[in-house]
C-alpha atoms as a PDB file:
ATOM      1  CA  MET A   1       8.112 -26.230 -35.721  1.00  0.00           C
ATOM      2  CA  ILE A   2       5.012 -28.404 -36.232  1.00  0.00           C
ATOM      3  CA  ILE A   3       3.813 -29.232 -39.764  1.00  0.00           C
ATOM      4  CA  ALA A   4       0.295 -30.672 -40.087  1.00  0.00           C
ATOM      5  CA  VAL A   5      -0.020 -33.492 -42.628  1.00  0.00           C
ATOM      6  CA  ASP A   6      -3.224 -34.733 -44.241  1.00  0.00           C
ATOM      7  CA  ALA A   7      -2.945 -38.420 -43.329  1.00  0.00           C
ATOM      8  CA  VAL A   8      -5.856 -39.385 -45.586  1.00  0.00           C
ATOM      9  CA  GLY A   9      -4.904 -37.324 -48.642  1.00  0.00           C
ATOM     10  CA  GLY A  10      -3.815 -38.916 -51.910  1.00  0.00           C
ATOM     11  CA  ASP A  11      -4.167 -42.340 -53.475  1.00  0.00           C
ATOM     12  CA  HIS A  12      -2.207 -44.305 -50.874  1.00  0.00           C
ATOM     13  CA  TYR A  13      -3.460 -43.105 -47.508  1.00  0.00           C
ATOM     14  CA  PRO A  14      -2.760 -43.485 -44.665  1.00  0.00           C
ATOM     15  CA  LYS A  15       0.411 -45.488 -45.362  1.00  0.00           C
ATOM     16  CA  TYR A  16       2.320 -43.089 -47.620  1.00  0.00           C
ATOM     17  CA  PRO A  17       1.480 -39.854 -45.754  1.00  0.00           C
ATOM     18  CA  VAL A  18       2.425 -41.459 -42.433  1.00  0.00           C
ATOM     19  CA  ILE A  19       5.691 -42.931 -43.736  1.00  0.00           C
ATOM     20  CA  GLY A  20       6.574 -39.653 -45.463  1.00  0.00           C
ATOM     21  CA  ALA A  21       5.888 -37.681 -42.286  1.00  0.00           C
ATOM     22  CA  LEU A  22       8.102 -39.969 -40.219  1.00  0.00           C
ATOM     23  CA  GLU A  23      10.889 -39.722 -42.802  1.00  0.00           C
ATOM     24  CA  ALA A  24      10.669 -35.915 -42.607  1.00  0.00           C
ATOM     25  CA  THR A  25      11.203 -36.027 -38.832  1.00  0.00           C
ATOM     26  CA  LYS A  26      14.275 -38.205 -39.352  1.00  0.00           C
ATOM     27  CA  GLU A  27      15.732 -35.743 -41.841  1.00  0.00           C
ATOM     28  CA  ASP A  28      15.006 -32.650 -39.733  1.00  0.00           C
ATOM     29  CA  PRO A  29      15.639 -33.299 -36.013  1.00  0.00           C
ATOM     30  CA  GLU A  30      13.898 -30.033 -35.039  1.00  0.00           C
ATOM     31  CA  LEU A  31      10.675 -30.883 -36.878  1.00  0.00           C
ATOM     32  CA  GLN A  32       7.431 -32.206 -35.414  1.00  0.00           C
ATOM     33  CA  VAL A  33       4.464 -33.493 -37.428  1.00  0.00           C
ATOM     34  CA  MET A  34       0.744 -33.495 -36.737  1.00  0.00           C
ATOM     35  CA  LEU A  35      -1.079 -36.287 -38.608  1.00  0.00           C
ATOM     36  CA  VAL A  36      -4.650 -35.220 -39.363  1.00  0.00           C
ATOM     37  CA  GLY A  37      -7.385 -37.766 -40.051  1.00  0.00           C
ATOM     38  CA  PRO A  38      -9.357 -40.593 -38.379  1.00  0.00           C
ATOM     39  CA  GLU A  39      -7.402 -41.316 -35.205  1.00  0.00           C
ATOM     40  CA  LYS A  40      -7.728 -45.119 -35.244  1.00  0.00           C
ATOM     41  CA  LEU A  41      -6.714 -45.321 -38.896  1.00  0.00           C
ATOM     42  CA  ILE A  42      -3.583 -43.262 -38.237  1.00  0.00           C
ATOM     43  CA  GLN A  43      -2.689 -45.059 -35.009  1.00  0.00           C
ATOM     44  CA  ASP A  44      -3.027 -48.476 -36.679  1.00  0.00           C
ATOM     45  CA  GLU A  45      -0.548 -47.333 -39.324  1.00  0.00           C
ATOM     46  CA  LEU A  46       1.842 -45.898 -36.726  1.00  0.00           C
ATOM     47  CA  ASN A  47       1.765 -49.200 -34.855  1.00  0.00           C
ATOM     48  CA  ASN A  48       3.583 -50.754 -37.815  1.00  0.00           C
ATOM     49  CA  THR A  49       6.726 -48.716 -37.199  1.00  0.00           C
ATOM     50  CA  ASP A  50       8.941 -47.161 -34.561  1.00  0.00           C
ATOM     51  CA  TYR A  51       8.495 -43.430 -34.041  1.00  0.00           C
ATOM     52  CA  ASP A  52       9.187 -40.683 -31.533  1.00  0.00           C
ATOM     53  CA  LYS A  53       5.897 -40.063 -29.739  1.00  0.00           C
ATOM     54  CA  ASN A  54       7.154 -36.673 -28.599  1.00  0.00           C
ATOM     55  CA  ARG A  55       7.472 -35.486 -32.210  1.00  0.00           C
ATOM     56  CA  VAL A  56       4.507 -37.203 -33.857  1.00  0.00           C
ATOM     57  CA  HIS A  57       0.999 -36.074 -32.917  1.00  0.00           C
ATOM     58  CA  ILE A  58      -2.488 -37.076 -34.085  1.00  0.00           C
ATOM     59  CA  LEU A  59      -5.318 -34.621 -34.694  1.00  0.00           C
ATOM     60  CA  HIS A  60      -8.600 -36.509 -35.027  1.00  0.00           C
ATOM     61  CA  ALA A  61     -10.668 -35.675 -38.112  1.00  0.00           C
ATOM     62  CA  PRO A  62     -13.289 -38.347 -38.843  1.00  0.00           C
ATOM     63  CA  GLU A  63     -14.305 -37.244 -42.352  1.00  0.00           C
ATOM     64  CA  ILE A  64     -12.413 -37.655 -45.631  1.00  0.00           C
ATOM     65  CA  ILE A  65     -12.820 -35.512 -48.758  1.00  0.00           C
ATOM     66  CA  GLY A  66     -12.484 -37.718 -51.837  1.00  0.00           C
ATOM     67  CA  MET A  67     -10.424 -36.754 -54.874  1.00  0.00           C
ATOM     68  CA  GLU A  68     -13.493 -36.476 -57.102  1.00  0.00           C
ATOM     69  CA  GLU A  69     -15.748 -34.513 -54.747  1.00  0.00           C
ATOM     70  CA  SER A  70     -16.868 -30.969 -55.527  1.00  0.00           C
ATOM     71  CA  PRO A  71     -14.364 -28.750 -53.643  1.00  0.00           C
ATOM     72  CA  ALA A  72     -16.684 -26.002 -52.406  1.00  0.00           C
ATOM     73  CA  THR A  73     -19.467 -28.431 -51.474  1.00  0.00           C
ATOM     74  CA  ALA A  74     -17.114 -30.799 -49.670  1.00  0.00           C
ATOM     75  CA  VAL A  75     -15.480 -28.049 -47.610  1.00  0.00           C
ATOM     76  CA  LYS A  76     -18.883 -26.689 -46.533  1.00  0.00           C
ATOM     77  CA  SER A  77     -20.547 -30.041 -45.851  1.00  0.00           C
ATOM     78  CA  LYS A  78     -17.612 -31.938 -44.328  1.00  0.00           C
ATOM     79  CA  ARG A  79     -16.577 -29.621 -41.517  1.00  0.00           C
ATOM     80  CA  SER A  80     -14.859 -32.514 -39.732  1.00  0.00           C
ATOM     81  CA  SER A  81     -12.686 -33.472 -42.704  1.00  0.00           C
ATOM     82  CA  SER A  82      -8.917 -33.740 -42.438  1.00  0.00           C
ATOM     83  CA  ILE A  83      -8.497 -30.741 -44.754  1.00  0.00           C
ATOM     84  CA  THR A  84     -10.921 -28.470 -42.894  1.00  0.00           C
ATOM     85  CA  ILE A  85      -9.694 -29.417 -39.427  1.00  0.00           C
ATOM     86  CA  GLY A  86      -6.038 -29.290 -40.466  1.00  0.00           C
ATOM     87  CA  ILE A  87      -6.345 -25.841 -42.043  1.00  0.00           C
ATOM     88  CA  SER A  88      -8.326 -24.643 -39.003  1.00  0.00           C
ATOM     89  CA  ALA A  89      -5.551 -25.858 -36.706  1.00  0.00           C
ATOM     90  CA  HIS A  90      -3.091 -23.854 -38.791  1.00  0.00           C
ATOM     91  CA  LYS A  91      -5.337 -20.792 -38.565  1.00  0.00           C
ATOM     92  CA  GLN A  92      -5.437 -21.147 -34.765  1.00  0.00           C
ATOM     93  CA  GLY A  93      -1.645 -21.380 -34.540  1.00  0.00           C
ATOM     94  CA  GLU A  94      -1.480 -25.034 -33.531  1.00  0.00           C
ATOM     95  CA  CYS A  95       0.882 -25.746 -36.429  1.00  0.00           C
ATOM     96  CA  SER A  96       3.073 -23.697 -38.757  1.00  0.00           C
ATOM     97  CA  ALA A  97       1.793 -25.155 -42.035  1.00  0.00           C
ATOM     98  CA  PHE A  98      -0.543 -27.734 -43.559  1.00  0.00           C
ATOM     99  CA  VAL A  99       0.275 -30.113 -46.424  1.00  0.00           C
ATOM    100  CA  SER A 100      -1.895 -32.544 -48.351  1.00  0.00           C
ATOM    101  CA  ALA A 101      -1.776 -34.846 -51.369  1.00  0.00           C
ATOM    102  CA  GLY A 102      -5.572 -34.819 -51.451  1.00  0.00           C
ATOM    103  CA  ASN A 103      -8.239 -32.902 -53.356  1.00  0.00           C
ATOM    104  CA  THR A 104      -6.507 -29.780 -54.727  1.00  0.00           C
ATOM    105  CA  GLY A 105      -9.695 -27.787 -55.179  1.00  0.00           C
ATOM    106  CA  ALA A 106     -10.889 -28.560 -51.658  1.00  0.00           C
ATOM    107  CA  LEU A 107      -7.543 -27.572 -50.175  1.00  0.00           C
ATOM    108  CA  LEU A 108      -7.512 -24.318 -52.137  1.00  0.00           C
ATOM    109  CA  ALA A 109     -11.093 -23.557 -51.080  1.00  0.00           C
ATOM    110  CA  ALA A 110     -10.388 -24.317 -47.409  1.00  0.00           C
ATOM    111  CA  SER A 111      -7.121 -22.357 -47.482  1.00  0.00           C
ATOM    112  CA  THR A 112      -8.861 -19.344 -49.014  1.00  0.00           C
ATOM    113  CA  PHE A 113     -12.023 -19.460 -46.861  1.00  0.00           C
ATOM    114  CA  ILE A 114     -10.373 -20.263 -43.518  1.00  0.00           C
ATOM    115  CA  LEU A 115      -6.951 -18.637 -43.755  1.00  0.00           C
ATOM    116  CA  GLY A 116      -8.031 -15.698 -45.888  1.00  0.00           C
ATOM    117  CA  LYS A 117      -5.755 -13.702 -48.176  1.00  0.00           C
ATOM    118  CA  LEU A 118      -2.545 -11.865 -47.407  1.00  0.00           C
ATOM    119  CA  GLU A 119      -2.798  -8.089 -47.223  1.00  0.00           C
ATOM    120  CA  GLY A 120      -3.056  -6.621 -50.706  1.00  0.00           C
ATOM    121  CA  VAL A 121      -3.519  -9.942 -52.529  1.00  0.00           C
ATOM    122  CA  LEU A 122      -6.280  -9.903 -55.137  1.00  0.00           C
ATOM    123  CA  ARG A 123      -6.450 -13.674 -55.443  1.00  0.00           C
ATOM    124  CA  PRO A 124      -4.277 -16.618 -54.328  1.00  0.00           C
ATOM    125  CA  THR A 125      -2.530 -18.716 -56.960  1.00  0.00           C
ATOM    126  CA  ILE A 126      -0.963 -22.139 -57.375  1.00  0.00           C
ATOM    127  CA  ALA A 127       2.740 -22.070 -58.169  1.00  0.00           C
ATOM    128  CA  ALA A 128       3.953 -25.377 -59.631  1.00  0.00           C
ATOM    129  CA  THR A 129       7.515 -26.472 -60.276  1.00  0.00           C
ATOM    130  CA  TYR A 130       8.244 -27.245 -63.928  1.00  0.00           C
ATOM    131  CA  PRO A 131      11.278 -29.157 -65.228  1.00  0.00           C
ATOM    132  CA  THR A 132      13.521 -27.707 -67.931  1.00  0.00           C
ATOM    133  CA  ILE A 133      16.960 -28.575 -69.291  1.00  0.00           C
ATOM    134  CA  LYS A 134      18.358 -25.890 -66.970  1.00  0.00           C
ATOM    135  CA  GLY A 135      16.616 -27.222 -63.855  1.00  0.00           C
ATOM    136  CA  LEU A 136      13.315 -26.366 -62.210  1.00  0.00           C
ATOM    137  CA  SER A 137      11.295 -23.322 -63.228  1.00  0.00           C
ATOM    138  CA  LEU A 138       8.051 -22.106 -61.674  1.00  0.00           C
ATOM    139  CA  LEU A 139       4.700 -22.215 -63.486  1.00  0.00           C
ATOM    140  CA  VAL A 140       2.191 -19.619 -62.252  1.00  0.00           C
ATOM    141  CA  ASP A 141      -0.850 -20.027 -62.325  1.00  0.00           C
ATOM    142  CA  ALA A 142      -1.045 -23.830 -62.477  1.00  0.00           C
ATOM    143  CA  GLY A 143      -4.824 -24.150 -62.222  1.00  0.00           C
ATOM    144  CA  ALA A 144      -6.341 -22.014 -59.454  1.00  0.00           C
ATOM    145  CA  ASN A 145      -7.656 -19.126 -61.577  1.00  0.00           C
ATOM    146  CA  LEU A 146      -8.951 -19.819 -65.070  1.00  0.00           C
ATOM    147  CA  GLU A 147      -9.425 -16.139 -65.918  1.00  0.00           C
ATOM    148  CA  LEU A 148      -7.254 -13.262 -64.751  1.00  0.00           C
ATOM    149  CA  LYS A 149      -7.168  -9.485 -64.766  1.00  0.00           C
ATOM    150  CA  PRO A 150      -3.990  -7.620 -65.769  1.00  0.00           C
ATOM    151  CA  GLU A 151      -3.241  -6.675 -62.148  1.00  0.00           C
ATOM    152  CA  MET A 152      -3.388 -10.340 -61.111  1.00  0.00           C
ATOM    153  CA  TYR A 153      -0.662 -11.274 -63.593  1.00  0.00           C
ATOM    154  CA  LEU A 154       1.574  -8.653 -62.001  1.00  0.00           C
ATOM    155  CA  GLN A 155       0.865  -9.909 -58.478  1.00  0.00           C
ATOM    156  CA  PHE A 156       1.447 -13.525 -59.484  1.00  0.00           C
ATOM    157  CA  ALA A 157       4.779 -12.563 -61.049  1.00  0.00           C
ATOM    158  CA  LYS A 158       5.847 -10.832 -57.834  1.00  0.00           C
ATOM    159  CA  MET A 159       4.711 -13.710 -55.603  1.00  0.00           C
ATOM    160  CA  GLY A 160       6.409 -16.250 -57.848  1.00  0.00           C
ATOM    161  CA  SER A 161       9.604 -14.196 -57.798  1.00  0.00           C
ATOM    162  CA  ILE A 162       9.678 -14.228 -53.990  1.00  0.00           C
ATOM    163  CA  PHE A 163       9.121 -17.991 -53.870  1.00  0.00           C
ATOM    164  CA  SER A 164      11.785 -18.712 -56.502  1.00  0.00           C
ATOM    165  CA  GLU A 165      14.290 -16.521 -54.719  1.00  0.00           C
ATOM    166  CA  GLU A 166      13.651 -17.855 -51.225  1.00  0.00           C
ATOM    167  CA  ILE A 167      13.014 -21.553 -51.905  1.00  0.00           C
ATOM    168  CA  PHE A 168      14.940 -22.211 -55.135  1.00  0.00           C
ATOM    169  CA  GLY A 169      17.736 -19.840 -54.165  1.00  0.00           C
ATOM    170  CA  ILE A 170      17.620 -17.966 -57.495  1.00  0.00           C
ATOM    171  CA  ASP A 171      18.903 -14.399 -57.344  1.00  0.00           C
ATOM    172  CA  ASN A 172      16.634 -12.022 -59.252  1.00  0.00           C
ATOM    173  CA  PRO A 173      14.566 -14.773 -60.977  1.00  0.00           C
ATOM    174  CA  THR A 174      13.441 -13.889 -64.493  1.00  0.00           C
ATOM    175  CA  VAL A 175       9.773 -13.808 -65.539  1.00  0.00           C
ATOM    176  CA  GLY A 176       8.428 -14.772 -68.962  1.00  0.00           C
ATOM    177  CA  PHE A 177       4.826 -14.150 -70.060  1.00  0.00           C
ATOM    178  CA  LEU A 178       3.472 -17.091 -72.073  1.00  0.00           C
ATOM    179  CA  ASN A 179       1.959 -15.807 -75.298  1.00  0.00           C
ATOM    180  CA  VAL A 180       1.483 -16.643 -78.994  1.00  0.00           C
ATOM    181  CA  GLY A 181       4.536 -14.602 -79.956  1.00  0.00           C
ATOM    182  CA  GLU A 182       7.444 -12.709 -78.463  1.00  0.00           C
ATOM    183  CA  GLU A 183       6.439  -9.241 -79.667  1.00  0.00           C
ATOM    184  CA  PRO A 184       4.852  -6.879 -77.082  1.00  0.00           C
ATOM    185  CA  ASP A 185       1.673  -6.458 -79.158  1.00  0.00           C
ATOM    186  CA  LYS A 186       0.887 -10.177 -79.338  1.00  0.00           C
ATOM    187  CA  GLY A 187      -2.179 -11.782 -77.773  1.00  0.00           C
ATOM    188  CA  THR A 188      -5.542 -10.411 -76.697  1.00  0.00           C
ATOM    189  CA  GLU A 189      -6.166  -6.947 -75.282  1.00  0.00           C
ATOM    190  CA  LEU A 190      -5.884  -8.541 -71.835  1.00  0.00           C
ATOM    191  CA  HIS A 191      -2.402  -9.834 -72.650  1.00  0.00           C
ATOM    192  CA  LYS A 192      -1.321  -6.453 -74.008  1.00  0.00           C
ATOM    193  CA  GLU A 193      -2.509  -4.667 -70.860  1.00  0.00           C
ATOM    194  CA  ALA A 194      -0.832  -7.234 -68.635  1.00  0.00           C
ATOM    195  CA  PHE A 195       2.396  -6.901 -70.645  1.00  0.00           C
ATOM    196  CA  LYS A 196       2.500  -3.161 -69.913  1.00  0.00           C
ATOM    197  CA  LEU A 197       2.139  -3.767 -66.176  1.00  0.00           C
ATOM    198  CA  LEU A 198       4.692  -6.554 -66.169  1.00  0.00           C
ATOM    199  CA  SER A 199       7.163  -4.304 -67.973  1.00  0.00           C
ATOM    200  CA  THR A 200       7.497  -2.284 -64.759  1.00  0.00           C
ATOM    201  CA  MET A 201       9.298  -5.263 -63.187  1.00  0.00           C
ATOM    202  CA  PRO A 202      13.096  -5.230 -63.662  1.00  0.00           C
ATOM    203  CA  ASN A 203      13.197  -9.042 -63.883  1.00  0.00           C
ATOM    204  CA  PHE A 204      10.552  -9.273 -66.639  1.00  0.00           C
ATOM    205  CA  LEU A 205      12.037 -10.589 -69.899  1.00  0.00           C
ATOM    206  CA  GLY A 206       8.898 -10.184 -72.013  1.00  0.00           C
ATOM    207  CA  ASN A 207       6.747 -12.665 -73.877  1.00  0.00           C
ATOM    208  CA  ILE A 208       7.872 -16.254 -74.322  1.00  0.00           C
ATOM    209  CA  GLU A 209       6.394 -19.031 -76.458  1.00  0.00           C
ATOM    210  CA  GLY A 210       5.620 -22.686 -75.876  1.00  0.00           C
ATOM    211  CA  LYS A 211       8.897 -23.702 -77.494  1.00  0.00           C
ATOM    212  CA  ASP A 212      10.798 -21.819 -74.770  1.00  0.00           C
ATOM    213  CA  ILE A 213       9.382 -23.756 -71.827  1.00  0.00           C
ATOM    214  CA  LEU A 214      11.449 -26.960 -71.787  1.00  0.00           C
ATOM    215  CA  PHE A 215      14.576 -24.996 -72.649  1.00  0.00           C
ATOM    216  CA  GLY A 216      14.089 -22.929 -69.464  1.00  0.00           C
ATOM    217  CA  LYS A 217      14.227 -19.524 -71.103  1.00  0.00           C
ATOM    218  CA  THR A 218      13.027 -17.915 -67.858  1.00  0.00           C
ATOM    219  CA  ASP A 219      12.845 -18.923 -64.212  1.00  0.00           C
ATOM    220  CA  ILE A 220       9.099 -18.226 -64.027  1.00  0.00           C
ATOM    221  CA  PHE A 221       6.469 -19.032 -66.654  1.00  0.00           C
ATOM    222  CA  LEU A 222       3.495 -16.709 -66.148  1.00  0.00           C
ATOM    223  CA  THR A 223       0.059 -17.611 -67.515  1.00  0.00           C
ATOM    224  CA  ASP A 224      -3.595 -18.106 -66.545  1.00  0.00           C
ATOM    225  CA  GLY A 225      -4.745 -21.203 -64.678  1.00  0.00           C
ATOM    226  CA  PHE A 226      -6.484 -22.731 -67.697  1.00  0.00           C
ATOM    227  CA  THR A 227      -3.364 -22.699 -69.853  1.00  0.00           C
ATOM    228  CA  GLY A 228      -1.057 -23.418 -66.934  1.00  0.00           C
ATOM    229  CA  ASN A 229      -2.897 -26.567 -65.909  1.00  0.00           C
ATOM    230  CA  LEU A 230      -2.828 -27.884 -69.474  1.00  0.00           C
ATOM    231  CA  ILE A 231       0.941 -27.280 -69.645  1.00  0.00           C
ATOM    232  CA  LEU A 232       1.444 -28.913 -66.242  1.00  0.00           C
ATOM    233  CA  LYS A 233      -0.476 -32.084 -67.150  1.00  0.00           C
ATOM    234  CA  PHE A 234       1.241 -32.242 -70.545  1.00  0.00           C
ATOM    235  CA  GLY A 235       4.645 -32.065 -68.876  1.00  0.00           C
ATOM    236  CA  GLU A 236       3.730 -34.862 -66.468  1.00  0.00           C
ATOM    237  CA  SER A 237       2.941 -37.136 -69.427  1.00  0.00           C
ATOM    238  CA  ILE A 238       6.298 -36.689 -71.188  1.00  0.00           C
ATOM    239  CA  PRO A 239       8.388 -39.298 -69.278  1.00  0.00           C
ATOM    240  CA  ASP A 240       5.749 -42.046 -69.605  1.00  0.00           C
ATOM    241  CA  VAL A 241       5.230 -41.349 -73.316  1.00  0.00           C
ATOM    242  CA  LEU A 242       8.970 -41.442 -74.004  1.00  0.00           C
ATOM    243  CA  LYS A 243       9.373 -44.700 -72.076  1.00  0.00           C
ATOM    244  CA  PHE A 244       6.452 -46.265 -73.974  1.00  0.00           C
ATOM    245  CA  LEU A 245       7.822 -45.248 -77.377  1.00  0.00           C
ATOM    246  CA  LEU A 246      11.338 -46.417 -76.507  1.00  0.00           C
ATOM    247  CA  SER A 247      10.089 -49.760 -75.260  1.00  0.00           C
ATOM    248  CA  LYS A 248       7.974 -50.270 -78.365  1.00  0.00           C
ATOM    249  CA  THR A 249      10.808 -49.356 -80.753  1.00  0.00           C
ATOM    250  CA  MET A 250      13.425 -51.473 -78.971  1.00  0.00           C
ATOM    251  CA  LYS A 251      11.172 -54.536 -79.010  1.00  0.00           C
ATOM    252  CA  GLU A 252      10.405 -54.055 -82.700  1.00  0.00           C
ATOM    253  CA  ASP A 253      14.129 -53.727 -83.463  1.00  0.00           C
ATOM    254  CA  GLY A 254      15.060 -56.751 -81.347  1.00  0.00           C
ATOM    255  CA  VAL A 255      17.273 -54.902 -78.870  1.00  0.00           C
ATOM    256  CA  GLU A 256      18.741 -57.276 -76.283  1.00  0.00           C
ATOM    257  CA  PRO A 257      17.106 -57.123 -72.804  1.00  0.00           C
ATOM    258  CA  ASP A 258      20.362 -56.127 -71.072  1.00  0.00           C
ATOM    259  CA  LEU A 259      20.835 -53.244 -73.503  1.00  0.00           C
ATOM    260  CA  GLN A 260      17.188 -52.214 -73.042  1.00  0.00           C
ATOM    261  CA  LYS A 261      17.776 -52.077 -69.287  1.00  0.00           C
ATOM    262  CA  LEU A 262      20.852 -49.898 -69.742  1.00  0.00           C
ATOM    263  CA  ILE A 263      18.994 -47.539 -72.088  1.00  0.00           C
ATOM    264  CA  PHE A 264      16.123 -47.164 -69.623  1.00  0.00           C
ATOM    265  CA  GLN A 265      18.588 -46.391 -66.845  1.00  0.00           C
ATOM    266  CA  ILE A 266      20.148 -43.652 -68.968  1.00  0.00           C
ATOM    267  CA  ILE A 267      16.739 -42.243 -69.926  1.00  0.00           C
ATOM    268  CA  GLY A 268      15.596 -42.343 -66.302  1.00  0.00           C
ATOM    269  CA  LYS A 269      18.663 -40.411 -65.226  1.00  0.00           C
ATOM    270  CA  SER A 270      18.188 -37.904 -68.053  1.00  0.00           C
ATOM    271  CA  LEU A 271      14.541 -37.324 -67.057  1.00  0.00           C
ATOM    272  CA  HIS A 272      15.375 -36.855 -63.375  1.00  0.00           C
ATOM    273  CA  THR A 273      14.248 -33.223 -63.467  1.00  0.00           C
ATOM    274  CA  PHE A 274      10.731 -34.395 -64.408  1.00  0.00           C
ATOM    275  CA  ASP A 275      10.431 -36.312 -61.127  1.00  0.00           C
ATOM    276  CA  TYR A 276       7.777 -34.551 -59.011  1.00  0.00           C
ATOM    277  CA  GLU A 277       9.092 -36.292 -55.898  1.00  0.00           C
ATOM    278  CA  ARG A 278      12.030 -33.881 -55.699  1.00  0.00           C
ATOM    279  CA  VAL A 279       9.826 -31.002 -54.562  1.00  0.00           C
ATOM    280  CA  GLY A 280       6.862 -33.028 -53.366  1.00  0.00           C
ATOM    281  CA  GLY A 281       4.295 -30.248 -53.209  1.00  0.00           C
ATOM    282  CA  VAL A 282       3.541 -26.734 -54.372  1.00  0.00           C
ATOM    283  CA  PRO A 283       2.219 -23.768 -52.386  1.00  0.00           C
ATOM    284  CA  PHE A 284      -0.915 -21.681 -52.622  1.00  0.00           C
ATOM    285  CA  LEU A 285       0.754 -18.292 -52.826  1.00  0.00           C
ATOM    286  CA  GLY A 286      -1.268 -15.392 -51.430  1.00  0.00           C
ATOM    287  CA  VAL A 287      -3.166 -17.162 -48.650  1.00  0.00           C
ATOM    288  CA  ASN A 288      -2.568 -15.952 -45.106  1.00  0.00           C
ATOM    289  CA  GLY A 289      -0.722 -19.072 -44.063  1.00  0.00           C
ATOM    290  CA  THR A 290       1.392 -21.876 -45.499  1.00  0.00           C
ATOM    291  CA  SER A 291      -0.613 -24.476 -47.394  1.00  0.00           C
ATOM    292  CA  LEU A 292       0.937 -26.912 -49.876  1.00  0.00           C
ATOM    293  CA  VAL A 293      -0.621 -29.514 -52.149  1.00  0.00           C
ATOM    294  CA  GLY A 294       1.053 -32.583 -53.607  1.00  0.00           C
ATOM    295  CA  HIS A 295       0.387 -35.024 -56.422  1.00  0.00           C
ATOM    296  CA  GLY A 296      -2.430 -37.496 -55.755  1.00  0.00           C
ATOM    297  CA  GLY A 297      -0.031 -40.367 -56.365  1.00  0.00           C
ATOM    298  CA  SER A 298       2.593 -38.979 -53.990  1.00  0.00           C
ATOM    299  CA  THR A 299       5.101 -41.495 -52.651  1.00  0.00           C
ATOM    300  CA  PRO A 300       6.510 -41.299 -49.115  1.00  0.00           C
ATOM    301  CA  ALA A 301       9.541 -39.469 -50.570  1.00  0.00           C
ATOM    302  CA  ALA A 302       7.271 -36.887 -52.181  1.00  0.00           C
ATOM    303  CA  ILE A 303       5.322 -36.398 -48.937  1.00  0.00           C
ATOM    304  CA  LYS A 304       8.583 -36.004 -47.021  1.00  0.00           C
ATOM    305  CA  ASN A 305       9.879 -33.377 -49.446  1.00  0.00           C
ATOM    306  CA  MET A 306       6.566 -31.511 -49.380  1.00  0.00           C
ATOM    307  CA  ILE A 307       6.772 -31.291 -45.567  1.00  0.00           C
ATOM    308  CA  LEU A 308      10.375 -30.060 -45.694  1.00  0.00           C
ATOM    309  CA  ASN A 309       9.421 -27.559 -48.408  1.00  0.00           C
ATOM    310  CA  ALA A 310       6.619 -26.222 -46.185  1.00  0.00           C
ATOM    311  CA  ALA A 311       9.055 -25.816 -43.297  1.00  0.00           C
ATOM    312  CA  GLN A 312      11.397 -23.915 -45.595  1.00  0.00           C
ATOM    313  CA  CYS A 313       8.578 -21.536 -46.620  1.00  0.00           C
ATOM    314  CA  VAL A 314       7.986 -20.769 -42.945  1.00  0.00           C
ATOM    315  CA  ASP A 315      11.686 -20.403 -42.114  1.00  0.00           C
ATOM    316  CA  HIS A 316      12.248 -18.016 -45.034  1.00  0.00           C
ATOM    317  CA  LYS A 317       9.181 -15.917 -44.113  1.00  0.00           C
ATOM    318  CA  VAL A 318       7.874 -16.143 -47.674  1.00  0.00           C
ATOM    319  CA  ASN A 319       4.493 -14.602 -46.818  1.00  0.00           C
ATOM    320  CA  SER A 320       5.843 -11.494 -45.124  1.00  0.00           C
ATOM    321  CA  LYS A 321       8.175 -10.940 -48.073  1.00  0.00           C
ATOM    322  CA  ILE A 322       5.267 -11.308 -50.502  1.00  0.00           C
ATOM    323  CA  VAL A 323       3.301  -8.619 -48.613  1.00  0.00           C
ATOM    324  CA  ALA A 324       6.331  -6.345 -48.642  1.00  0.00           C
ATOM    325  CA  SER A 325       6.821  -6.813 -52.395  1.00  0.00           C
ATOM    326  CA  LEU A 326       3.174  -6.057 -53.180  1.00  0.00           C
ATOM    327  CA  ASN A 327       3.245  -2.864 -51.144  1.00  0.00           C
ATOM    328  CA  LYS A 328       6.309  -1.411 -52.856  1.00  0.00           C
END
């Protein structure tokens, strides 16, 4: 299996994507990687390390889409970008998946325009992992679609259920609909209509509230992309805020440096589930291919895990199972 990697995606390119890709090949002896980006830039980075030339390939793409560029404009104007060329290579069957820690909007646009949608899918969605005291849950939608129709909520719940079952290994994952109250008649008319459709799913547990998220009341948190993205970014801030407050309080109270170090070690271990590196990247569910996006600040470990996650999506035939679930 060949996984294409955006070698110029993220804040630390090409070093981190290249290192992460090489680490993935070491962990999976059957895996090959295709590094996509300016050839000289990638080769110069590869020259700094030992690697198996039979399992590491370069696909030249001279243009780079920046993190702040307009997604639709960049995809249309930069046809030789790493994202456009990498997704096109996936479309043509040259690789089994494409992963990037670059511009999320550009990757979603390219994945949608070039790969197209799976049969029956109304609109693709971003499914993000979310830490809870019970482990990882799935947040759908995490920012791709700011406004939804009732039928889209149902499709997203089904797609998220397939992903959770196949990749997280959760049997019959439960779905909770984020709302302002638990009662079925809560929310706008849109929420009430969506609730009725979702109630046809045997794994739907009903409405859940914000207070239920970190306690992991359900395996899947279902919401629109506007709300989902706010929740995602809020969750990412929690570890840093806690560390800042702890540091400030301990200094004010004169806690000894050795004890401070021990406390931070305990807190770090306790907040392990908030570490995005564990999963590395999240998929665009509903596109006719396997396309994953990672955090802009992705480390080599995060890149490695994103590549392995993409390979797992392919191995488990997530897309074909999504199509089957939508056509039931």
